[in-house]
Amino acid sequence: MGKAKNNKFKRPRFSAGGLVKEVMDNEDEVEVEVDSPAAEHLEKLQSPCADVRECACASISRMVQQSQTIPSFLQRDAVRRLGPLLLDPCVAVRETAAGALRNLSVCGGPEVCEDMVKQDILTPLTKLLRECCSGFDVSPSQKNSKSTVEDVANEAVNLLWNLCENSSRAVSVFNKAGLLDVLVLCLERHEQKVELALSA
């Protein structure tokens, strides 16, 4: 039996335009790889498991700190997908979702903040802040948990300030919703939670 000799190098195939087809295929793969993490993390936000949702929010929060990834998230409706998680039953998911939106508002700039307000992020944010204020007096068993209501409120207040600093529409919603009273309650927490009082 004779040995078959395999060519070590394959000759590149050329398309009609004269471009190497393999190079074009590789470019498409690179483009898909750049976009896939955003899509993957946004899909995980729909998971029934709270830990998966929390992890996805934390990953998004880190990723949006790189300004080149922000358009990919915005094209995939990240704001609309993260908004409902502000009212998630799990406190840790609420905190990380608020943190992801906060980072998006900081790193995205005024245009992104205006877009977030247009996508009605203030409705769940307002509801979250009101729920946080009503839940400040928690039982001692909940105080030792990983995320507290005060931590969630801190992220939410910072997000609110970012939006109000960059959008007159956000200031209008702030005034109409009467959120000043909510922030006064946050200021009153200075003895227990200095960070929250400083944010407010």
C-alpha atoms as a PDB file:
ATOM      1  CA  MET A   1       0.000   0.000   0.000  1.00  0.00           C
ATOM      2  CA  GLY A   2       1.312   3.334  -0.924  1.00  0.00           C
ATOM      3  CA  LYS A   3       1.288   6.370   1.239  1.00  0.00           C
ATOM      4  CA  ALA A   4      -0.886   9.245   0.206  1.00  0.00           C
ATOM      5  CA  LYS A   5       0.862  12.541   0.433  1.00  0.00           C
ATOM      6  CA  ASN A   6      -1.211  15.411   1.809  1.00  0.00           C
ATOM      7  CA  ASN A   7      -0.397  18.925   0.827  1.00  0.00           C
ATOM      8  CA  LYS A   8       0.623  20.923   3.855  1.00  0.00           C
ATOM      9  CA  PHE A   9      -0.621  24.167   2.435  1.00  0.00           C
ATOM     10  CA  LYS A  10      -3.948  24.650   0.773  1.00  0.00           C
ATOM     11  CA  ARG A  11      -4.073  27.056  -2.047  1.00  0.00           C
ATOM     12  CA  PRO A  12      -6.371  29.970  -1.340  1.00  0.00           C
ATOM     13  CA  ARG A  13      -9.541  30.061  -3.380  1.00  0.00           C
ATOM     14  CA  PHE A  14     -10.236  33.259  -5.201  1.00  0.00           C
ATOM     15  CA  SER A  15     -13.647  34.765  -5.699  1.00  0.00           C
ATOM     16  CA  ALA A  16     -14.735  36.481  -8.883  1.00  0.00           C
ATOM     17  CA  GLY A  17     -13.731  39.841  -7.445  1.00  0.00           C
ATOM     18  CA  GLY A  18     -10.184  38.656  -6.930  1.00  0.00           C
ATOM     19  CA  LEU A  19     -10.354  38.627  -3.132  1.00  0.00           C
ATOM     20  CA  VAL A  20      -9.293  35.601  -1.220  1.00  0.00           C
ATOM     21  CA  LYS A  21     -12.424  33.841  -0.022  1.00  0.00           C
ATOM     22  CA  GLU A  22     -10.797  32.452   3.112  1.00  0.00           C
ATOM     23  CA  VAL A  23      -9.739  35.912   4.260  1.00  0.00           C
ATOM     24  CA  MET A  24     -13.295  37.164   3.829  1.00  0.00           C
ATOM     25  CA  ASP A  25     -14.602  34.202   5.836  1.00  0.00           C
ATOM     26  CA  ASN A  26     -12.130  34.959   8.633  1.00  0.00           C
ATOM     27  CA  GLU A  27     -13.219  38.600   8.734  1.00  0.00           C
ATOM     28  CA  ASP A  28     -16.846  37.516   9.117  1.00  0.00           C
ATOM     29  CA  GLU A  29     -15.884  35.216  11.984  1.00  0.00           C
ATOM     30  CA  VAL A  30     -14.045  38.038  13.752  1.00  0.00           C
ATOM     31  CA  GLU A  31     -17.039  40.343  13.374  1.00  0.00           C
ATOM     32  CA  VAL A  32     -19.371  37.719  14.825  1.00  0.00           C
ATOM     33  CA  GLU A  33     -17.005  37.135  17.738  1.00  0.00           C
ATOM     34  CA  VAL A  34     -16.961  40.841  18.604  1.00  0.00           C
ATOM     35  CA  ASP A  35     -20.765  41.025  18.710  1.00  0.00           C
ATOM     36  CA  SER A  36     -21.486  37.668  20.305  1.00  0.00           C
ATOM     37  CA  PRO A  37     -20.599  38.508  23.935  1.00  0.00           C
ATOM     38  CA  ALA A  38     -23.178  41.299  24.010  1.00  0.00           C
ATOM     39  CA  ALA A  39     -25.869  39.049  22.591  1.00  0.00           C
ATOM     40  CA  GLU A  40     -24.875  36.203  24.879  1.00  0.00           C
ATOM     41  CA  HIS A  41     -25.035  38.300  28.049  1.00  0.00           C
ATOM     42  CA  LEU A  42     -28.302  39.940  27.059  1.00  0.00           C
ATOM     43  CA  GLU A  43     -29.837  36.505  26.497  1.00  0.00           C
ATOM     44  CA  LYS A  44     -28.738  35.422  29.971  1.00  0.00           C
ATOM     45  CA  LEU A  45     -30.800  38.264  31.442  1.00  0.00           C
ATOM     46  CA  GLN A  46     -33.891  36.174  30.662  1.00  0.00           C
ATOM     47  CA  SER A  47     -32.672  33.175  32.663  1.00  0.00           C
ATOM     48  CA  PRO A  48     -34.983  31.791  35.360  1.00  0.00           C
ATOM     49  CA  CYS A  49     -31.962  31.506  37.679  1.00  0.00           C
ATOM     50  CA  ALA A  50     -31.246  34.666  39.692  1.00  0.00           C
ATOM     51  CA  ASP A  51     -27.518  33.903  39.881  1.00  0.00           C
ATOM     52  CA  VAL A  52     -27.267  33.760  36.078  1.00  0.00           C
ATOM     53  CA  ARG A  53     -29.132  37.067  35.753  1.00  0.00           C
ATOM     54  CA  GLU A  54     -26.879  38.663  38.363  1.00  0.00           C
ATOM     55  CA  CYS A  55     -23.743  37.382  36.648  1.00  0.00           C
ATOM     56  CA  ALA A  56     -24.969  38.630  33.264  1.00  0.00           C
ATOM     57  CA  CYS A  57     -25.674  42.090  34.698  1.00  0.00           C
ATOM     58  CA  ALA A  58     -22.229  42.204  36.294  1.00  0.00           C
ATOM     59  CA  SER A  59     -20.603  41.188  33.010  1.00  0.00           C
ATOM     60  CA  ILE A  60     -22.537  43.827  31.098  1.00  0.00           C
ATOM     61  CA  SER A  61     -21.558  46.377  33.721  1.00  0.00           C
ATOM     62  CA  ARG A  62     -17.878  45.625  33.131  1.00  0.00           C
ATOM     63  CA  MET A  63     -18.180  45.430  29.354  1.00  0.00           C
ATOM     64  CA  VAL A  64     -19.899  48.794  28.874  1.00  0.00           C
ATOM     65  CA  GLN A  65     -16.946  50.475  30.527  1.00  0.00           C
ATOM     66  CA  GLN A  66     -15.218  49.957  27.181  1.00  0.00           C
ATOM     67  CA  SER A  67     -16.822  52.572  24.967  1.00  0.00           C
ATOM     68  CA  GLN A  68     -16.448  50.508  21.782  1.00  0.00           C
ATOM     69  CA  THR A  69     -18.881  47.888  23.144  1.00  0.00           C
ATOM     70  CA  ILE A  70     -21.682  50.341  23.962  1.00  0.00           C
ATOM     71  CA  PRO A  71     -23.161  50.545  20.426  1.00  0.00           C
ATOM     72  CA  SER A  72     -23.415  46.761  20.302  1.00  0.00           C
ATOM     73  CA  PHE A  73     -25.439  46.736  23.512  1.00  0.00           C
ATOM     74  CA  LEU A  74     -27.638  49.634  22.451  1.00  0.00           C
ATOM     75  CA  GLN A  75     -28.424  47.984  19.111  1.00  0.00           C
ATOM     76  CA  ARG A  76     -29.651  44.950  21.016  1.00  0.00           C
ATOM     77  CA  ASP A  77     -31.989  46.964  23.293  1.00  0.00           C
ATOM     78  CA  ALA A  78     -29.890  46.560  26.422  1.00  0.00           C
ATOM     79  CA  VAL A  79     -31.775  49.350  28.186  1.00  0.00           C
ATOM     80  CA  ARG A  80     -35.151  47.720  27.587  1.00  0.00           C
ATOM     81  CA  ARG A  81     -33.798  44.367  28.725  1.00  0.00           C
ATOM     82  CA  LEU A  82     -32.103  45.696  31.859  1.00  0.00           C
ATOM     83  CA  GLY A  83     -34.985  47.971  32.895  1.00  0.00           C
ATOM     84  CA  PRO A  84     -37.330  45.237  34.156  1.00  0.00           C
ATOM     85  CA  LEU A  85     -34.492  43.744  36.195  1.00  0.00           C
ATOM     86  CA  LEU A  86     -34.561  46.859  38.376  1.00  0.00           C
ATOM     87  CA  LEU A  87     -37.720  45.319  39.833  1.00  0.00           C
ATOM     88  CA  ASP A  88     -36.434  41.733  39.974  1.00  0.00           C
ATOM     89  CA  PRO A  89     -37.459  39.715  43.049  1.00  0.00           C
ATOM     90  CA  CYS A  90     -33.774  39.146  43.873  1.00  0.00           C
ATOM     91  CA  VAL A  91     -32.096  42.139  45.537  1.00  0.00           C
ATOM     92  CA  ALA A  92     -28.668  41.235  44.131  1.00  0.00           C
ATOM     93  CA  VAL A  93     -30.041  41.265  40.569  1.00  0.00           C
ATOM     94  CA  ARG A  94     -31.588  44.672  41.203  1.00  0.00           C
ATOM     95  CA  GLU A  95     -28.267  46.033  42.400  1.00  0.00           C
ATOM     96  CA  THR A  96     -26.220  44.679  39.494  1.00  0.00           C
ATOM     97  CA  ALA A  97     -28.829  45.767  36.928  1.00  0.00           C
ATOM     98  CA  ALA A  98     -28.776  49.283  38.362  1.00  0.00           C
ATOM     99  CA  GLY A  99     -24.975  49.162  38.301  1.00  0.00           C
ATOM    100  CA  ALA A 100     -24.942  48.100  34.652  1.00  0.00           C
ATOM    101  CA  LEU A 101     -27.320  50.906  33.712  1.00  0.00           C
ATOM    102  CA  ARG A 102     -25.279  53.343  35.770  1.00  0.00           C
ATOM    103  CA  ASN A 103     -22.072  52.375  33.952  1.00  0.00           C
ATOM    104  CA  LEU A 104     -23.868  52.599  30.629  1.00  0.00           C
ATOM    105  CA  SER A 105     -25.027  56.121  31.465  1.00  0.00           C
ATOM    106  CA  VAL A 106     -21.574  57.219  32.634  1.00  0.00           C
ATOM    107  CA  CYS A 107     -19.540  55.690  29.820  1.00  0.00           C
ATOM    108  CA  GLY A 108     -22.073  56.378  27.088  1.00  0.00           C
ATOM    109  CA  GLY A 109     -22.301  60.105  27.646  1.00  0.00           C
ATOM    110  CA  PRO A 110     -25.186  62.524  27.151  1.00  0.00           C
ATOM    111  CA  GLU A 111     -26.498  60.889  23.976  1.00  0.00           C
ATOM    112  CA  VAL A 112     -26.856  57.516  25.652  1.00  0.00           C
ATOM    113  CA  CYS A 113     -28.497  59.098  28.710  1.00  0.00           C
ATOM    114  CA  GLU A 114     -31.022  60.869  26.508  1.00  0.00           C
ATOM    115  CA  ASP A 115     -31.687  57.604  24.695  1.00  0.00           C
ATOM    116  CA  MET A 116     -32.170  55.803  28.015  1.00  0.00           C
ATOM    117  CA  VAL A 117     -34.747  58.379  29.072  1.00  0.00           C
ATOM    118  CA  LYS A 118     -36.525  58.053  25.718  1.00  0.00           C
ATOM    119  CA  GLN A 119     -36.685  54.297  26.281  1.00  0.00           C
ATOM    120  CA  ASP A 120     -38.511  55.024  29.561  1.00  0.00           C
ATOM    121  CA  ILE A 121     -35.910  53.740  31.998  1.00  0.00           C
ATOM    122  CA  LEU A 122     -37.184  56.245  34.561  1.00  0.00           C
ATOM    123  CA  THR A 123     -40.450  54.369  35.109  1.00  0.00           C
ATOM    124  CA  PRO A 124     -38.855  51.247  36.641  1.00  0.00           C
ATOM    125  CA  LEU A 125     -36.159  53.400  38.268  1.00  0.00           C
ATOM    126  CA  THR A 126     -38.778  55.544  40.014  1.00  0.00           C
ATOM    127  CA  LYS A 127     -40.631  52.465  41.198  1.00  0.00           C
ATOM    128  CA  LEU A 128     -37.362  50.935  42.428  1.00  0.00           C
ATOM    129  CA  LEU A 129     -36.451  54.032  44.420  1.00  0.00           C
ATOM    130  CA  ARG A 130     -39.881  54.132  46.042  1.00  0.00           C
ATOM    131  CA  GLU A 131     -39.662  50.432  46.945  1.00  0.00           C
ATOM    132  CA  CYS A 132     -36.181  50.923  48.370  1.00  0.00           C
ATOM    133  CA  CYS A 133     -37.350  53.759  50.590  1.00  0.00           C
ATOM    134  CA  SER A 134     -40.232  51.708  51.903  1.00  0.00           C
ATOM    135  CA  GLY A 135     -37.846  48.815  52.599  1.00  0.00           C
ATOM    136  CA  PHE A 136     -35.129  50.675  54.491  1.00  0.00           C
ATOM    137  CA  ASP A 137     -36.203  49.197  57.799  1.00  0.00           C
ATOM    138  CA  VAL A 138     -35.319  45.563  57.194  1.00  0.00           C
ATOM    139  CA  SER A 139     -35.106  42.749  59.661  1.00  0.00           C
ATOM    140  CA  PRO A 140     -31.681  41.906  61.134  1.00  0.00           C
ATOM    141  CA  SER A 141     -31.508  38.628  59.186  1.00  0.00           C
ATOM    142  CA  GLN A 142     -31.572  40.532  55.898  1.00  0.00           C
ATOM    143  CA  LYS A 143     -28.905  43.019  56.959  1.00  0.00           C
ATOM    144  CA  ASN A 144     -26.199  40.388  56.635  1.00  0.00           C
ATOM    145  CA  SER A 145     -27.173  39.421  53.096  1.00  0.00           C
ATOM    146  CA  LYS A 146     -24.845  40.040  50.171  1.00  0.00           C
ATOM    147  CA  SER A 147     -26.847  42.980  48.801  1.00  0.00           C
ATOM    148  CA  THR A 148     -28.957  45.273  50.905  1.00  0.00           C
ATOM    149  CA  VAL A 149     -31.753  47.621  50.007  1.00  0.00           C
ATOM    150  CA  GLU A 150     -29.422  50.532  50.749  1.00  0.00           C
ATOM    151  CA  ASP A 151     -26.880  49.225  48.223  1.00  0.00           C
ATOM    152  CA  VAL A 152     -29.591  49.002  45.570  1.00  0.00           C
ATOM    153  CA  ALA A 153     -30.781  52.504  46.425  1.00  0.00           C
ATOM    154  CA  ASN A 154     -27.211  53.800  46.170  1.00  0.00           C
ATOM    155  CA  GLU A 155     -26.838  52.458  42.612  1.00  0.00           C
ATOM    156  CA  ALA A 156     -30.296  53.740  41.679  1.00  0.00           C
ATOM    157  CA  VAL A 157     -29.624  57.233  43.038  1.00  0.00           C
ATOM    158  CA  ASN A 158     -26.349  57.443  41.135  1.00  0.00           C
ATOM    159  CA  LEU A 159     -28.111  56.341  37.945  1.00  0.00           C
ATOM    160  CA  LEU A 160     -30.813  58.949  38.524  1.00  0.00           C
ATOM    161  CA  TRP A 161     -28.223  61.703  38.948  1.00  0.00           C
ATOM    162  CA  ASN A 162     -26.391  60.666  35.780  1.00  0.00           C
ATOM    163  CA  LEU A 163     -29.622  60.800  33.809  1.00  0.00           C
ATOM    164  CA  CYS A 164     -30.696  64.141  35.289  1.00  0.00           C
ATOM    165  CA  GLU A 165     -27.293  65.711  34.630  1.00  0.00           C
ATOM    166  CA  ASN A 166     -27.497  64.792  30.953  1.00  0.00           C
ATOM    167  CA  SER A 167     -31.184  65.041  30.101  1.00  0.00           C
ATOM    168  CA  SER A 168     -33.690  67.811  30.698  1.00  0.00           C
ATOM    169  CA  ARG A 169     -36.438  65.262  30.094  1.00  0.00           C
ATOM    170  CA  ALA A 170     -35.119  63.260  33.067  1.00  0.00           C
ATOM    171  CA  VAL A 171     -35.289  66.373  35.257  1.00  0.00           C
ATOM    172  CA  SER A 172     -38.891  66.882  34.169  1.00  0.00           C
ATOM    173  CA  VAL A 173     -39.781  63.297  35.096  1.00  0.00           C
ATOM    174  CA  PHE A 174     -37.902  63.717  38.388  1.00  0.00           C
ATOM    175  CA  ASN A 175     -40.049  66.732  39.260  1.00  0.00           C
ATOM    176  CA  LYS A 176     -43.342  65.200  38.116  1.00  0.00           C
ATOM    177  CA  ALA A 177     -42.717  61.971  40.022  1.00  0.00           C
ATOM    178  CA  GLY A 178     -41.859  63.834  43.222  1.00  0.00           C
ATOM    179  CA  LEU A 179     -38.551  62.042  43.643  1.00  0.00           C
ATOM    180  CA  LEU A 180     -37.156  64.771  45.872  1.00  0.00           C
ATOM    181  CA  ASP A 181     -39.024  63.225  48.806  1.00  0.00           C
ATOM    182  CA  VAL A 182     -37.400  59.886  48.036  1.00  0.00           C
ATOM    183  CA  LEU A 183     -33.944  61.445  48.037  1.00  0.00           C
ATOM    184  CA  VAL A 184     -34.633  63.138  51.355  1.00  0.00           C
ATOM    185  CA  LEU A 185     -35.310  59.694  52.822  1.00  0.00           C
ATOM    186  CA  CYS A 186     -31.966  58.559  51.414  1.00  0.00           C
ATOM    187  CA  LEU A 187     -30.265  61.512  53.096  1.00  0.00           C
ATOM    188  CA  GLU A 188     -31.794  60.503  56.405  1.00  0.00           C
ATOM    189  CA  ARG A 189     -29.965  57.165  56.182  1.00  0.00           C
ATOM    190  CA  HIS A 190     -26.592  58.828  56.793  1.00  0.00           C
ATOM    191  CA  GLU A 191     -26.109  57.179  60.180  1.00  0.00           C
ATOM    192  CA  GLN A 192     -26.548  53.663  58.795  1.00  0.00           C
ATOM    193  CA  LYS A 193     -25.276  54.088  55.246  1.00  0.00           C
ATOM    194  CA  VAL A 194     -22.955  57.013  54.560  1.00  0.00           C
ATOM    195  CA  GLU A 195     -22.478  56.075  50.877  1.00  0.00           C
ATOM    196  CA  LEU A 196     -26.200  56.355  50.208  1.00  0.00           C
ATOM    197  CA  ALA A 197     -26.438  59.732  51.928  1.00  0.00           C
ATOM    198  CA  LEU A 198     -23.481  61.014  49.919  1.00  0.00           C
ATOM    199  CA  SER A 199     -25.075  59.834  46.677  1.00  0.00           C
ATOM    200  CA  ALA A 200     -28.350  61.535  47.521  1.00  0.00           C
END
